[in-house]
N, C-alpha and C. Protein backbone atom coordinates (compact mmCIF):
# COMPACT_ATOMS: atom_id res chain seq x y z
N MET A 1 0.82 -1.20 0.00
CA MET A 1 0.00 0.00 0.00
C MET A 1 0.86 1.27 0.00
N LEU A 2 2.05 1.21 0.62
CA LEU A 2 2.89 2.40 0.71
C LEU A 2 3.27 2.98 -0.66
N PRO A 3 3.63 2.16 -1.65
CA PRO A 3 3.93 2.74 -2.96
C PRO A 3 2.73 3.51 -3.55
N LYS A 4 1.52 3.01 -3.34
CA LYS A 4 0.33 3.70 -3.84
C LYS A 4 0.14 5.03 -3.10
N ILE A 5 0.36 5.03 -1.80
CA ILE A 5 0.23 6.25 -1.00
C ILE A 5 1.27 7.27 -1.44
N LYS A 6 2.50 6.83 -1.62
CA LYS A 6 3.55 7.75 -2.06
C LYS A 6 3.22 8.35 -3.42
N LYS A 7 2.68 7.52 -4.31
CA LYS A 7 2.28 8.00 -5.64
C LYS A 7 1.21 9.08 -5.50
N CYS A 8 0.25 8.87 -4.63
CA CYS A 8 -0.81 9.86 -4.42
C CYS A 8 -0.23 11.18 -3.89
N PHE A 9 0.72 11.09 -2.98
CA PHE A 9 1.35 12.31 -2.48
C PHE A 9 2.08 13.03 -3.60
N GLY A 10 2.73 12.28 -4.47
CA GLY A 10 3.44 12.88 -5.60
C GLY A 10 2.49 13.53 -6.60
N ASN A 11 1.27 12.99 -6.70
CA ASN A 11 0.27 13.51 -7.64
C ASN A 11 -0.69 14.51 -6.98
N ASP A 12 -0.45 14.85 -5.73
CA ASP A 12 -1.32 15.76 -4.98
C ASP A 12 -2.76 15.23 -4.92
N SER A 13 -2.86 13.92 -4.74
CA SER A 13 -4.16 13.27 -4.61
C SER A 13 -4.31 12.78 -3.17
N VAL A 14 -4.37 13.77 -2.25
CA VAL A 14 -4.36 13.49 -0.81
C VAL A 14 -5.50 14.24 -0.15
N LEU A 15 -6.23 13.56 0.70
CA LEU A 15 -7.30 14.17 1.48
C LEU A 15 -6.90 14.11 2.96
N TYR A 16 -6.92 15.25 3.62
CA TYR A 16 -6.66 15.31 5.06
C TYR A 16 -8.00 15.35 5.78
N THR A 17 -8.21 14.43 6.72
CA THR A 17 -9.44 14.47 7.50
C THR A 17 -9.41 15.68 8.42
N SER A 18 -10.57 16.08 8.90
CA SER A 18 -10.62 17.21 9.84
C SER A 18 -9.85 16.86 11.11
N HIS A 19 -9.88 15.59 11.50
CA HIS A 19 -9.12 15.15 12.68
C HIS A 19 -7.62 15.36 12.45
N ALA A 20 -7.14 14.98 11.28
CA ALA A 20 -5.72 15.15 10.97
C ALA A 20 -5.33 16.62 10.99
N ARG A 21 -6.16 17.46 10.39
CA ARG A 21 -5.89 18.91 10.40
C ARG A 21 -5.82 19.46 11.82
N LYS A 22 -6.74 19.02 12.66
CA LYS A 22 -6.77 19.48 14.06
C LYS A 22 -5.50 19.04 14.78
N GLU A 23 -5.12 17.78 14.61
CA GLU A 23 -3.92 17.26 15.27
C GLU A 23 -2.67 17.99 14.78
N MET A 24 -2.61 18.28 13.50
CA MET A 24 -1.45 18.98 12.94
C MET A 24 -1.34 20.39 13.53
N HIS A 25 -2.48 21.02 13.70
CA HIS A 25 -2.50 22.39 14.23
C HIS A 25 -2.21 22.44 15.73
N GLU A 26 -2.68 21.42 16.47
CA GLU A 26 -2.58 21.44 17.93
C GLU A 26 -1.48 20.53 18.48
N GLU A 27 -0.60 20.02 17.64
CA GLU A 27 0.46 19.10 18.07
C GLU A 27 1.25 19.69 19.24
N GLU A 28 1.41 18.88 20.29
CA GLU A 28 2.08 19.37 21.51
C GLU A 28 3.55 19.73 21.29
N PHE A 29 4.22 19.12 20.32
CA PHE A 29 5.63 19.41 20.06
C PHE A 29 5.80 20.53 19.02
N GLY A 30 4.71 21.12 18.59
CA GLY A 30 4.76 22.20 17.59
C GLY A 30 3.96 21.84 16.36
N GLN A 31 3.37 22.84 15.75
CA GLN A 31 2.52 22.66 14.59
C GLN A 31 3.23 21.88 13.48
N ILE A 32 2.46 21.02 12.81
CA ILE A 32 2.98 20.21 11.71
C ILE A 32 2.42 20.76 10.39
N LYS A 33 3.28 20.99 9.44
CA LYS A 33 2.87 21.54 8.14
C LYS A 33 2.68 20.41 7.12
N GLU A 34 1.85 20.67 6.12
CA GLU A 34 1.62 19.69 5.05
C GLU A 34 2.92 19.29 4.37
N GLN A 35 3.81 20.24 4.17
CA GLN A 35 5.09 19.94 3.52
C GLN A 35 5.88 18.92 4.34
N GLU A 36 5.82 19.02 5.65
CA GLU A 36 6.52 18.07 6.52
C GLU A 36 5.90 16.68 6.40
N VAL A 37 4.58 16.62 6.30
CA VAL A 37 3.90 15.33 6.11
C VAL A 37 4.33 14.72 4.78
N PHE A 38 4.34 15.54 3.74
CA PHE A 38 4.76 15.10 2.41
C PHE A 38 6.17 14.50 2.47
N GLU A 39 7.09 15.22 3.08
CA GLU A 39 8.48 14.76 3.17
C GLU A 39 8.58 13.45 3.97
N ALA A 40 7.84 13.38 5.08
CA ALA A 40 7.89 12.19 5.93
C ALA A 40 7.32 10.96 5.22
N VAL A 41 6.24 11.15 4.47
CA VAL A 41 5.64 10.02 3.74
C VAL A 41 6.59 9.55 2.64
N LEU A 42 7.16 10.47 1.90
CA LEU A 42 8.01 10.07 0.77
C LEU A 42 9.26 9.33 1.21
N ASN A 43 9.78 9.61 2.41
CA ASN A 43 10.96 8.84 2.86
C ASN A 43 10.59 7.88 3.98
N GLY A 44 9.28 7.65 4.16
CA GLY A 44 8.81 6.86 5.29
C GLY A 44 8.76 5.37 5.06
N GLU A 45 8.42 4.69 6.14
CA GLU A 45 8.27 3.23 6.13
C GLU A 45 7.04 2.87 6.95
N VAL A 46 6.40 1.77 6.59
CA VAL A 46 5.24 1.29 7.33
C VAL A 46 5.73 0.57 8.59
N ILE A 47 5.23 1.01 9.75
CA ILE A 47 5.64 0.36 11.00
C ILE A 47 4.49 -0.41 11.64
N GLU A 48 3.26 -0.13 11.23
CA GLU A 48 2.10 -0.91 11.68
C GLU A 48 1.09 -0.96 10.54
N ASP A 49 0.37 -2.07 10.47
CA ASP A 49 -0.61 -2.27 9.42
C ASP A 49 -1.99 -2.45 10.05
N TYR A 50 -2.94 -1.69 9.58
CA TYR A 50 -4.31 -1.78 10.10
C TYR A 50 -5.23 -2.20 8.95
N SER A 51 -5.01 -3.39 8.44
CA SER A 51 -5.73 -3.87 7.26
C SER A 51 -7.22 -4.06 7.50
N ASP A 52 -7.65 -4.13 8.75
CA ASP A 52 -9.07 -4.30 9.06
C ASP A 52 -9.80 -2.98 9.27
N ASP A 53 -9.10 -1.85 9.16
CA ASP A 53 -9.75 -0.55 9.34
C ASP A 53 -10.85 -0.35 8.30
N LYS A 54 -11.89 0.34 8.70
CA LYS A 54 -13.01 0.66 7.81
C LYS A 54 -13.16 2.17 7.76
N PRO A 55 -13.56 2.77 6.68
CA PRO A 55 -13.95 2.12 5.43
C PRO A 55 -12.78 1.71 4.54
N TYR A 56 -11.55 2.12 4.90
CA TYR A 56 -10.39 1.76 4.09
C TYR A 56 -9.29 1.20 4.98
N PRO A 57 -8.57 0.19 4.52
CA PRO A 57 -7.40 -0.27 5.27
C PRO A 57 -6.40 0.88 5.40
N SER A 58 -5.65 0.89 6.49
CA SER A 58 -4.68 1.97 6.68
C SER A 58 -3.37 1.42 7.23
N VAL A 59 -2.38 2.29 7.27
CA VAL A 59 -1.07 1.93 7.80
C VAL A 59 -0.56 3.09 8.64
N LEU A 60 0.34 2.77 9.56
CA LEU A 60 1.05 3.79 10.32
C LEU A 60 2.42 3.93 9.68
N ILE A 61 2.70 5.13 9.18
CA ILE A 61 3.97 5.42 8.51
C ILE A 61 4.84 6.24 9.45
N TYR A 62 6.09 5.83 9.57
CA TYR A 62 7.08 6.64 10.28
C TYR A 62 8.04 7.20 9.25
N GLY A 63 8.28 8.51 9.34
CA GLY A 63 9.24 9.16 8.46
C GLY A 63 9.70 10.47 9.08
N ASP A 64 10.80 10.98 8.57
CA ASP A 64 11.33 12.26 9.04
C ASP A 64 11.12 13.32 7.98
N SER A 65 10.86 14.54 8.43
CA SER A 65 10.82 15.67 7.51
C SER A 65 12.26 16.00 7.11
N ILE A 66 12.41 16.89 6.15
CA ILE A 66 13.75 17.32 5.72
C ILE A 66 14.53 17.87 6.92
N GLU A 67 13.83 18.54 7.82
CA GLU A 67 14.48 19.10 9.01
C GLU A 67 14.59 18.09 10.15
N GLU A 68 14.43 16.80 9.81
CA GLU A 68 14.60 15.68 10.74
C GLU A 68 13.58 15.66 11.88
N LYS A 69 12.38 16.17 11.61
CA LYS A 69 11.29 16.05 12.58
C LYS A 69 10.65 14.69 12.37
N PRO A 70 10.66 13.81 13.39
CA PRO A 70 10.03 12.51 13.24
C PRO A 70 8.51 12.66 13.25
N LEU A 71 7.84 11.98 12.32
CA LEU A 71 6.38 12.04 12.27
C LEU A 71 5.80 10.65 12.12
N HIS A 72 4.62 10.47 12.70
CA HIS A 72 3.80 9.30 12.46
C HIS A 72 2.57 9.78 11.71
N ILE A 73 2.26 9.09 10.64
CA ILE A 73 1.11 9.42 9.82
C ILE A 73 0.27 8.17 9.64
N VAL A 74 -0.98 8.22 10.10
CA VAL A 74 -1.90 7.12 9.81
C VAL A 74 -2.57 7.50 8.50
N CYS A 75 -2.38 6.63 7.51
CA CYS A 75 -2.84 6.95 6.16
C CYS A 75 -3.58 5.76 5.57
N ALA A 76 -4.72 6.04 4.98
CA ALA A 76 -5.51 5.02 4.29
C ALA A 76 -5.37 5.26 2.79
N TYR A 77 -5.81 4.26 2.03
CA TYR A 77 -5.78 4.39 0.58
C TYR A 77 -7.11 3.93 0.01
N SER A 78 -7.71 4.77 -0.82
CA SER A 78 -8.96 4.43 -1.50
C SER A 78 -8.64 3.98 -2.92
N ASN A 79 -8.87 2.70 -3.20
CA ASN A 79 -8.66 2.17 -4.55
C ASN A 79 -9.59 2.83 -5.55
N GLU A 80 -10.86 3.00 -5.16
CA GLU A 80 -11.84 3.53 -6.11
C GLU A 80 -11.56 4.98 -6.49
N ASP A 81 -10.98 5.75 -5.57
CA ASP A 81 -10.68 7.16 -5.85
C ASP A 81 -9.21 7.39 -6.17
N ASP A 82 -8.39 6.35 -6.02
CA ASP A 82 -6.93 6.47 -6.16
C ASP A 82 -6.44 7.69 -5.39
N MET A 83 -6.77 7.65 -4.07
CA MET A 83 -6.47 8.79 -3.21
C MET A 83 -5.95 8.30 -1.86
N ALA A 84 -4.95 9.02 -1.35
CA ALA A 84 -4.46 8.78 0.01
C ALA A 84 -5.31 9.63 0.96
N ILE A 85 -5.65 9.05 2.09
CA ILE A 85 -6.45 9.75 3.10
C ILE A 85 -5.64 9.79 4.39
N VAL A 86 -5.26 11.00 4.80
CA VAL A 86 -4.51 11.16 6.03
C VAL A 86 -5.50 11.21 7.19
N VAL A 87 -5.44 10.17 8.02
CA VAL A 87 -6.38 10.03 9.13
C VAL A 87 -5.92 10.85 10.33
N THR A 88 -4.64 10.75 10.65
CA THR A 88 -4.07 11.55 11.72
C THR A 88 -2.56 11.68 11.52
N VAL A 89 -2.00 12.69 12.15
CA VAL A 89 -0.56 12.96 12.08
C VAL A 89 -0.13 13.44 13.45
N TYR A 90 1.01 12.95 13.92
CA TYR A 90 1.54 13.43 15.20
C TYR A 90 3.04 13.21 15.25
N GLN A 91 3.66 13.94 16.13
CA GLN A 91 5.09 13.72 16.39
C GLN A 91 5.17 12.74 17.55
N PRO A 92 5.75 11.55 17.32
CA PRO A 92 5.76 10.53 18.36
C PRO A 92 6.60 10.94 19.58
N ASP A 93 6.09 10.59 20.73
CA ASP A 93 6.78 10.86 21.99
C ASP A 93 7.89 9.83 22.17
N PRO A 94 9.15 10.26 22.27
CA PRO A 94 10.26 9.30 22.41
C PRO A 94 10.16 8.46 23.68
N CYS A 95 9.39 8.90 24.65
CA CYS A 95 9.20 8.10 25.87
C CYS A 95 8.29 6.89 25.61
N LEU A 96 7.50 6.96 24.54
CA LEU A 96 6.55 5.90 24.23
C LEU A 96 6.97 5.01 23.06
N TRP A 97 7.98 5.45 22.31
CA TRP A 97 8.39 4.73 21.11
C TRP A 97 9.89 4.45 21.13
N ASP A 98 10.27 3.24 20.76
CA ASP A 98 11.66 2.85 20.63
C ASP A 98 12.11 3.19 19.21
N GLU A 99 13.00 4.16 19.08
CA GLU A 99 13.48 4.64 17.78
C GLU A 99 12.32 5.05 16.87
N TYR A 100 11.22 5.44 17.45
CA TYR A 100 10.01 5.89 16.75
C TYR A 100 9.37 4.79 15.91
N ARG A 101 9.85 3.56 16.03
CA ARG A 101 9.35 2.47 15.19
C ARG A 101 8.55 1.42 15.95
N ARG A 102 8.83 1.24 17.22
CA ARG A 102 8.16 0.20 18.01
C ARG A 102 7.66 0.81 19.31
N ARG A 103 6.45 0.44 19.69
CA ARG A 103 5.90 0.92 20.95
C ARG A 103 6.70 0.31 22.10
N LYS A 104 7.05 1.14 23.07
CA LYS A 104 7.76 0.63 24.24
C LYS A 104 6.78 -0.13 25.12
N GLN A 105 7.28 -1.15 25.77
CA GLN A 105 6.44 -1.99 26.62
C GLN A 105 6.25 -1.37 27.99
């Protein structure tokens, strides 16, 4: 799914949910810009898969912005619309994540 999501970002075929916009604006570590999400997705990797999510399967992507801001992006993909849907975006708390890739126990 990640190659399809990256393609959508490259084609500007991305929908941000209102929840994602709110989280980006109110992020506790500082506001997150669309450009940073774009950069993080393009160099990102899938760290969790939510294939049972409805109405579209989604994945948790970890990537860094050009300025090395670590981001987590929950992103779904709509086959029928050939569109990436950003469900939420946040800067992961290093106290909760091991190298931003695995949840700490």
